[in-house]
Amino acid sequence: MEEPNHTLESAPKLNGLVETALFVENLPQASDFYEQVLGLSKITDSDRGCVFRLADQRYLLLVTHEGARTPNETPSGSILPPCALPQHDGRGPGHIAFGVSSAVLDSWRARLEKHHVEILSEVTWESGARSLYFRDPDGHMIELATPGIWEAPRSDARCETLLKQLGA
């Protein structure tokens, strides 16, 4: 019996990224950072994590390390497996990029400075898009990116830069 030939052409279309999870050491501190500094709206929380709504069907989850290692029961009684493998333990910095318009990048810079958040880097990409990089209280690299950082054909330099950073 032949195995089905799955290619990019035959894959069903993905509709976008719905949620991203970051593992955190101190949930109240992390939650305050995303609410107070980034102005996100929390829609639910518990002792193991919280959820922020970014846009229609777009969510950021902050999960404690204990929460990442523990199966979750949904309101309907279904069981979700832990999101961190035991050997990974959900530790280590992650990266997330939020899209912002070019018109508000200076306002974001001022807001970060007001909240004593150090801007680690500001990059102007070959496409003219710009990114601000800083860290949240758990050391996750946060990026505020203006439109155009990934659009073809100018994304090759960004891909090469990221691959070099990853040691690839």
C-alpha atoms as a PDB file:
ATOM      1  CA  MET A   1       0.000   0.000   0.000  1.00  0.00           C
ATOM      2  CA  GLU A   2       1.399   3.381  -1.031  1.00  0.00           C
ATOM      3  CA  GLU A   3       1.708   6.198   1.448  1.00  0.00           C
ATOM      4  CA  PRO A   4      -0.099   9.393   0.414  1.00  0.00           C
ATOM      5  CA  ASN A   5       2.188  11.975  -1.145  1.00  0.00           C
ATOM      6  CA  HIS A   6       1.758  15.083   1.020  1.00  0.00           C
ATOM      7  CA  THR A   7       3.200  18.195  -0.569  1.00  0.00           C
ATOM      8  CA  LEU A   8       2.744  21.871   0.064  1.00  0.00           C
ATOM      9  CA  GLU A   9       0.407  21.963  -2.928  1.00  0.00           C
ATOM     10  CA  SER A  10      -1.888  19.322  -1.409  1.00  0.00           C
ATOM     11  CA  ALA A  11      -1.893  20.607   2.166  1.00  0.00           C
ATOM     12  CA  PRO A  12      -5.152  22.171   3.316  1.00  0.00           C
ATOM     13  CA  LYS A  13      -4.898  25.940   3.775  1.00  0.00           C
ATOM     14  CA  LEU A  14      -4.037  27.256   7.214  1.00  0.00           C
ATOM     15  CA  ASN A  15      -6.059  30.327   8.181  1.00  0.00           C
ATOM     16  CA  GLY A  16      -3.416  31.938  10.356  1.00  0.00           C
ATOM     17  CA  LEU A  17      -1.839  31.680  13.773  1.00  0.00           C
ATOM     18  CA  VAL A  18      -4.524  31.599  16.467  1.00  0.00           C
ATOM     19  CA  GLU A  19      -2.510  31.453  19.662  1.00  0.00           C
ATOM     20  CA  THR A  20       1.034  31.657  20.951  1.00  0.00           C
ATOM     21  CA  ALA A  21       2.110  30.555  24.435  1.00  0.00           C
ATOM     22  CA  LEU A  22       5.005  31.862  26.472  1.00  0.00           C
ATOM     23  CA  PHE A  23       6.108  30.085  29.648  1.00  0.00           C
ATOM     24  CA  VAL A  24       6.631  32.404  32.628  1.00  0.00           C
ATOM     25  CA  GLU A  25       8.216  32.212  36.076  1.00  0.00           C
ATOM     26  CA  ASN A  26       6.090  34.855  37.795  1.00  0.00           C
ATOM     27  CA  LEU A  27       2.562  35.001  36.372  1.00  0.00           C
ATOM     28  CA  PRO A  28       1.399  38.208  38.141  1.00  0.00           C
ATOM     29  CA  GLN A  29       4.563  40.079  37.060  1.00  0.00           C
ATOM     30  CA  ALA A  30       4.316  38.822  33.470  1.00  0.00           C
ATOM     31  CA  SER A  31       0.583  39.540  33.310  1.00  0.00           C
ATOM     32  CA  ASP A  32       1.135  43.094  34.573  1.00  0.00           C
ATOM     33  CA  PHE A  33       3.832  43.653  31.935  1.00  0.00           C
ATOM     34  CA  TYR A  34       1.575  42.612  29.051  1.00  0.00           C
ATOM     35  CA  GLU A  35      -1.385  44.575  30.461  1.00  0.00           C
ATOM     36  CA  GLN A  36       0.398  47.726  31.647  1.00  0.00           C
ATOM     37  CA  VAL A  37       3.266  48.062  29.168  1.00  0.00           C
ATOM     38  CA  LEU A  38       1.803  46.546  26.009  1.00  0.00           C
ATOM     39  CA  GLY A  39      -1.818  47.445  26.787  1.00  0.00           C
ATOM     40  CA  LEU A  40      -3.253  43.971  26.089  1.00  0.00           C
ATOM     41  CA  SER A  41      -6.695  42.981  27.358  1.00  0.00           C
ATOM     42  CA  LYS A  42      -6.819  39.899  29.570  1.00  0.00           C
ATOM     43  CA  ILE A  43      -9.879  37.758  28.874  1.00  0.00           C
ATOM     44  CA  THR A  44      -9.333  34.976  31.404  1.00  0.00           C
ATOM     45  CA  ASP A  45      -6.868  33.868  34.038  1.00  0.00           C
ATOM     46  CA  SER A  46      -6.171  31.183  36.607  1.00  0.00           C
ATOM     47  CA  ASP A  47      -3.301  30.244  38.899  1.00  0.00           C
ATOM     48  CA  ARG A  48      -1.681  28.340  35.979  1.00  0.00           C
ATOM     49  CA  GLY A  49      -1.951  30.972  33.250  1.00  0.00           C
ATOM     50  CA  CYS A  50      -3.878  33.718  31.524  1.00  0.00           C
ATOM     51  CA  VAL A  51      -5.067  34.632  28.044  1.00  0.00           C
ATOM     52  CA  PHE A  52      -4.880  37.974  26.253  1.00  0.00           C
ATOM     53  CA  ARG A  53      -6.936  38.803  23.168  1.00  0.00           C
ATOM     54  CA  LEU A  54      -4.832  40.537  20.514  1.00  0.00           C
ATOM     55  CA  ALA A  55      -7.325  40.653  17.648  1.00  0.00           C
ATOM     56  CA  ASP A  56     -10.138  38.597  16.196  1.00  0.00           C
ATOM     57  CA  GLN A  57      -9.160  34.951  16.800  1.00  0.00           C
ATOM     58  CA  ARG A  58      -5.603  35.925  17.874  1.00  0.00           C
ATOM     59  CA  TYR A  59      -4.508  35.149  21.442  1.00  0.00           C
ATOM     60  CA  LEU A  60      -1.408  35.253  23.624  1.00  0.00           C
ATOM     61  CA  LEU A  61      -1.245  32.693  26.426  1.00  0.00           C
ATOM     62  CA  LEU A  62       1.048  33.126  29.425  1.00  0.00           C
ATOM     63  CA  VAL A  63       1.524  29.768  31.126  1.00  0.00           C
ATOM     64  CA  THR A  64       3.340  29.063  34.385  1.00  0.00           C
ATOM     65  CA  HIS A  65       6.013  26.379  34.274  1.00  0.00           C
ATOM     66  CA  GLU A  66       3.839  24.190  36.503  1.00  0.00           C
ATOM     67  CA  GLY A  67       0.882  24.796  34.199  1.00  0.00           C
ATOM     68  CA  ALA A  68       3.015  23.824  31.208  1.00  0.00           C
ATOM     69  CA  ARG A  69       3.803  20.434  32.787  1.00  0.00           C
ATOM     70  CA  THR A  70       0.231  19.641  33.864  1.00  0.00           C
ATOM     71  CA  PRO A  71      -2.606  18.250  31.747  1.00  0.00           C
ATOM     72  CA  ASN A  72      -5.539  20.658  31.503  1.00  0.00           C
ATOM     73  CA  GLU A  73      -9.228  19.876  31.711  1.00  0.00           C
ATOM     74  CA  THR A  74     -11.474  21.960  29.462  1.00  0.00           C
ATOM     75  CA  PRO A  75     -14.892  23.196  30.655  1.00  0.00           C
ATOM     76  CA  SER A  76     -16.478  20.363  28.624  1.00  0.00           C
ATOM     77  CA  GLY A  77     -14.344  17.739  30.418  1.00  0.00           C
ATOM     78  CA  SER A  78     -11.856  17.025  27.623  1.00  0.00           C
ATOM     79  CA  ILE A  79      -8.233  16.589  28.684  1.00  0.00           C
ATOM     80  CA  LEU A  80      -5.460  18.556  26.970  1.00  0.00           C
ATOM     81  CA  PRO A  81      -1.941  17.152  27.234  1.00  0.00           C
ATOM     82  CA  PRO A  82       0.802  19.234  28.875  1.00  0.00           C
ATOM     83  CA  CYS A  83       2.291  21.769  26.471  1.00  0.00           C
ATOM     84  CA  ALA A  84       5.881  21.268  27.683  1.00  0.00           C
ATOM     85  CA  LEU A  85       7.659  17.952  27.350  1.00  0.00           C
ATOM     86  CA  PRO A  86       9.149  16.743  30.645  1.00  0.00           C
ATOM     87  CA  GLN A  87      12.700  17.067  29.321  1.00  0.00           C
ATOM     88  CA  HIS A  88      12.009  20.601  28.015  1.00  0.00           C
ATOM     89  CA  ASP A  89      10.187  21.821  31.111  1.00  0.00           C
ATOM     90  CA  GLY A  90       8.971  24.929  29.277  1.00  0.00           C
ATOM     91  CA  ARG A  91      12.098  26.851  30.245  1.00  0.00           C
ATOM     92  CA  GLY A  92      14.183  29.211  28.189  1.00  0.00           C
ATOM     93  CA  PRO A  93      13.468  32.444  26.404  1.00  0.00           C
ATOM     94  CA  GLY A  94      11.077  32.552  23.491  1.00  0.00           C
ATOM     95  CA  HIS A  95      10.395  35.127  20.831  1.00  0.00           C
ATOM     96  CA  ILE A  96       7.185  36.788  19.732  1.00  0.00           C
ATOM     97  CA  ALA A  97       6.618  39.651  17.301  1.00  0.00           C
ATOM     98  CA  PHE A  98       3.639  41.986  17.400  1.00  0.00           C
ATOM     99  CA  GLY A  99       2.670  43.901  14.277  1.00  0.00           C
ATOM    100  CA  VAL A 100       2.409  47.673  14.588  1.00  0.00           C
ATOM    101  CA  SER A 101       1.955  50.426  12.033  1.00  0.00           C
ATOM    102  CA  SER A 102       4.918  52.597  11.075  1.00  0.00           C
ATOM    103  CA  ALA A 103       2.988  55.631  12.285  1.00  0.00           C
ATOM    104  CA  VAL A 104       2.968  54.446  15.922  1.00  0.00           C
ATOM    105  CA  LEU A 105       6.510  53.087  16.276  1.00  0.00           C
ATOM    106  CA  ASP A 106       7.758  56.310  17.916  1.00  0.00           C
ATOM    107  CA  SER A 107       4.812  56.201  20.345  1.00  0.00           C
ATOM    108  CA  TRP A 108       5.771  52.629  21.268  1.00  0.00           C
ATOM    109  CA  ARG A 109       9.385  53.685  21.825  1.00  0.00           C
ATOM    110  CA  ALA A 110       8.217  56.442  24.188  1.00  0.00           C
ATOM    111  CA  ARG A 111       5.857  54.055  26.006  1.00  0.00           C
ATOM    112  CA  LEU A 112       8.611  51.500  26.550  1.00  0.00           C
ATOM    113  CA  GLU A 113      10.934  54.209  27.883  1.00  0.00           C
ATOM    114  CA  LYS A 114       8.165  55.467  30.202  1.00  0.00           C
ATOM    115  CA  HIS A 115       7.868  51.958  31.661  1.00  0.00           C
ATOM    116  CA  HIS A 116      11.680  51.636  31.955  1.00  0.00           C
ATOM    117  CA  VAL A 117      11.845  48.871  29.354  1.00  0.00           C
ATOM    118  CA  GLU A 118      15.252  48.821  27.682  1.00  0.00           C
ATOM    119  CA  ILE A 119      15.167  48.765  23.888  1.00  0.00           C
ATOM    120  CA  LEU A 120      17.872  46.266  22.991  1.00  0.00           C
ATOM    121  CA  SER A 121      17.919  46.871  19.262  1.00  0.00           C
ATOM    122  CA  GLU A 122      16.191  48.788  16.527  1.00  0.00           C
ATOM    123  CA  VAL A 123      16.492  47.347  13.037  1.00  0.00           C
ATOM    124  CA  THR A 124      15.592  48.882   9.709  1.00  0.00           C
ATOM    125  CA  TRP A 125      15.160  46.030   7.244  1.00  0.00           C
ATOM    126  CA  GLU A 126      16.120  46.199   3.579  1.00  0.00           C
ATOM    127  CA  SER A 127      12.426  46.537   2.749  1.00  0.00           C
ATOM    128  CA  GLY A 128      12.187  49.692   4.896  1.00  0.00           C
ATOM    129  CA  ALA A 129      10.242  47.873   7.614  1.00  0.00           C
ATOM    130  CA  ARG A 130      11.439  48.517  11.165  1.00  0.00           C
ATOM    131  CA  SER A 131      11.581  46.446  14.342  1.00  0.00           C
ATOM    132  CA  LEU A 132      12.097  47.328  18.008  1.00  0.00           C
ATOM    133  CA  TYR A 133      13.427  44.551  20.242  1.00  0.00           C
ATOM    134  CA  PHE A 134      13.139  44.330  24.039  1.00  0.00           C
ATOM    135  CA  ARG A 135      12.635  41.688  26.729  1.00  0.00           C
ATOM    136  CA  ASP A 136       9.717  40.928  29.003  1.00  0.00           C
ATOM    137  CA  PRO A 137      10.272  40.117  32.714  1.00  0.00           C
ATOM    138  CA  ASP A 138      10.928  36.431  31.867  1.00  0.00           C
ATOM    139  CA  GLY A 139      13.597  37.249  29.282  1.00  0.00           C
ATOM    140  CA  HIS A 140      11.452  36.528  26.211  1.00  0.00           C
ATOM    141  CA  MET A 141      12.556  38.575  23.201  1.00  0.00           C
ATOM    142  CA  ILE A 142       9.645  40.794  22.169  1.00  0.00           C
ATOM    143  CA  GLU A 143       9.579  42.502  18.786  1.00  0.00           C
ATOM    144  CA  LEU A 144       7.361  45.287  17.538  1.00  0.00           C
ATOM    145  CA  ALA A 145       7.474  45.057  13.747  1.00  0.00           C
ATOM    146  CA  THR A 146       6.095  47.359  11.085  1.00  0.00           C
ATOM    147  CA  PRO A 147       4.605  45.900   7.890  1.00  0.00           C
ATOM    148  CA  GLY A 148       6.948  44.466   5.300  1.00  0.00           C
ATOM    149  CA  ILE A 149       9.462  42.405   7.273  1.00  0.00           C
ATOM    150  CA  TRP A 150       8.566  39.077   5.641  1.00  0.00           C
ATOM    151  CA  GLU A 151       7.033  39.972   2.298  1.00  0.00           C
ATOM    152  CA  ALA A 152       8.819  38.577  -0.777  1.00  0.00           C
ATOM    153  CA  PRO A 153      11.191  39.188  -2.378  1.00  0.00           C
ATOM    154  CA  ARG A 154      12.931  41.294   0.253  1.00  0.00           C
ATOM    155  CA  SER A 155      12.653  38.752   3.088  1.00  0.00           C
ATOM    156  CA  ASP A 156      15.799  36.812   2.053  1.00  0.00           C
ATOM    157  CA  ALA A 157      18.119  39.056   4.077  1.00  0.00           C
ATOM    158  CA  ARG A 158      15.903  38.730   7.177  1.00  0.00           C
ATOM    159  CA  CYS A 159      15.832  34.940   6.784  1.00  0.00           C
ATOM    160  CA  GLU A 160      19.618  34.839   6.444  1.00  0.00           C
ATOM    161  CA  THR A 161      20.044  37.044   9.535  1.00  0.00           C
ATOM    162  CA  LEU A 162      17.712  34.850  11.613  1.00  0.00           C
ATOM    163  CA  LEU A 163      19.380  31.651  10.409  1.00  0.00           C
ATOM    164  CA  LYS A 164      22.797  33.047  11.422  1.00  0.00           C
ATOM    165  CA  GLN A 165      21.403  33.913  14.890  1.00  0.00           C
ATOM    166  CA  LEU A 166      20.084  30.353  15.237  1.00  0.00           C
ATOM    167  CA  GLY A 167      23.465  28.960  14.240  1.00  0.00           C
ATOM    168  CA  ALA A 168      22.114  27.311  11.110  1.00  0.00           C
END
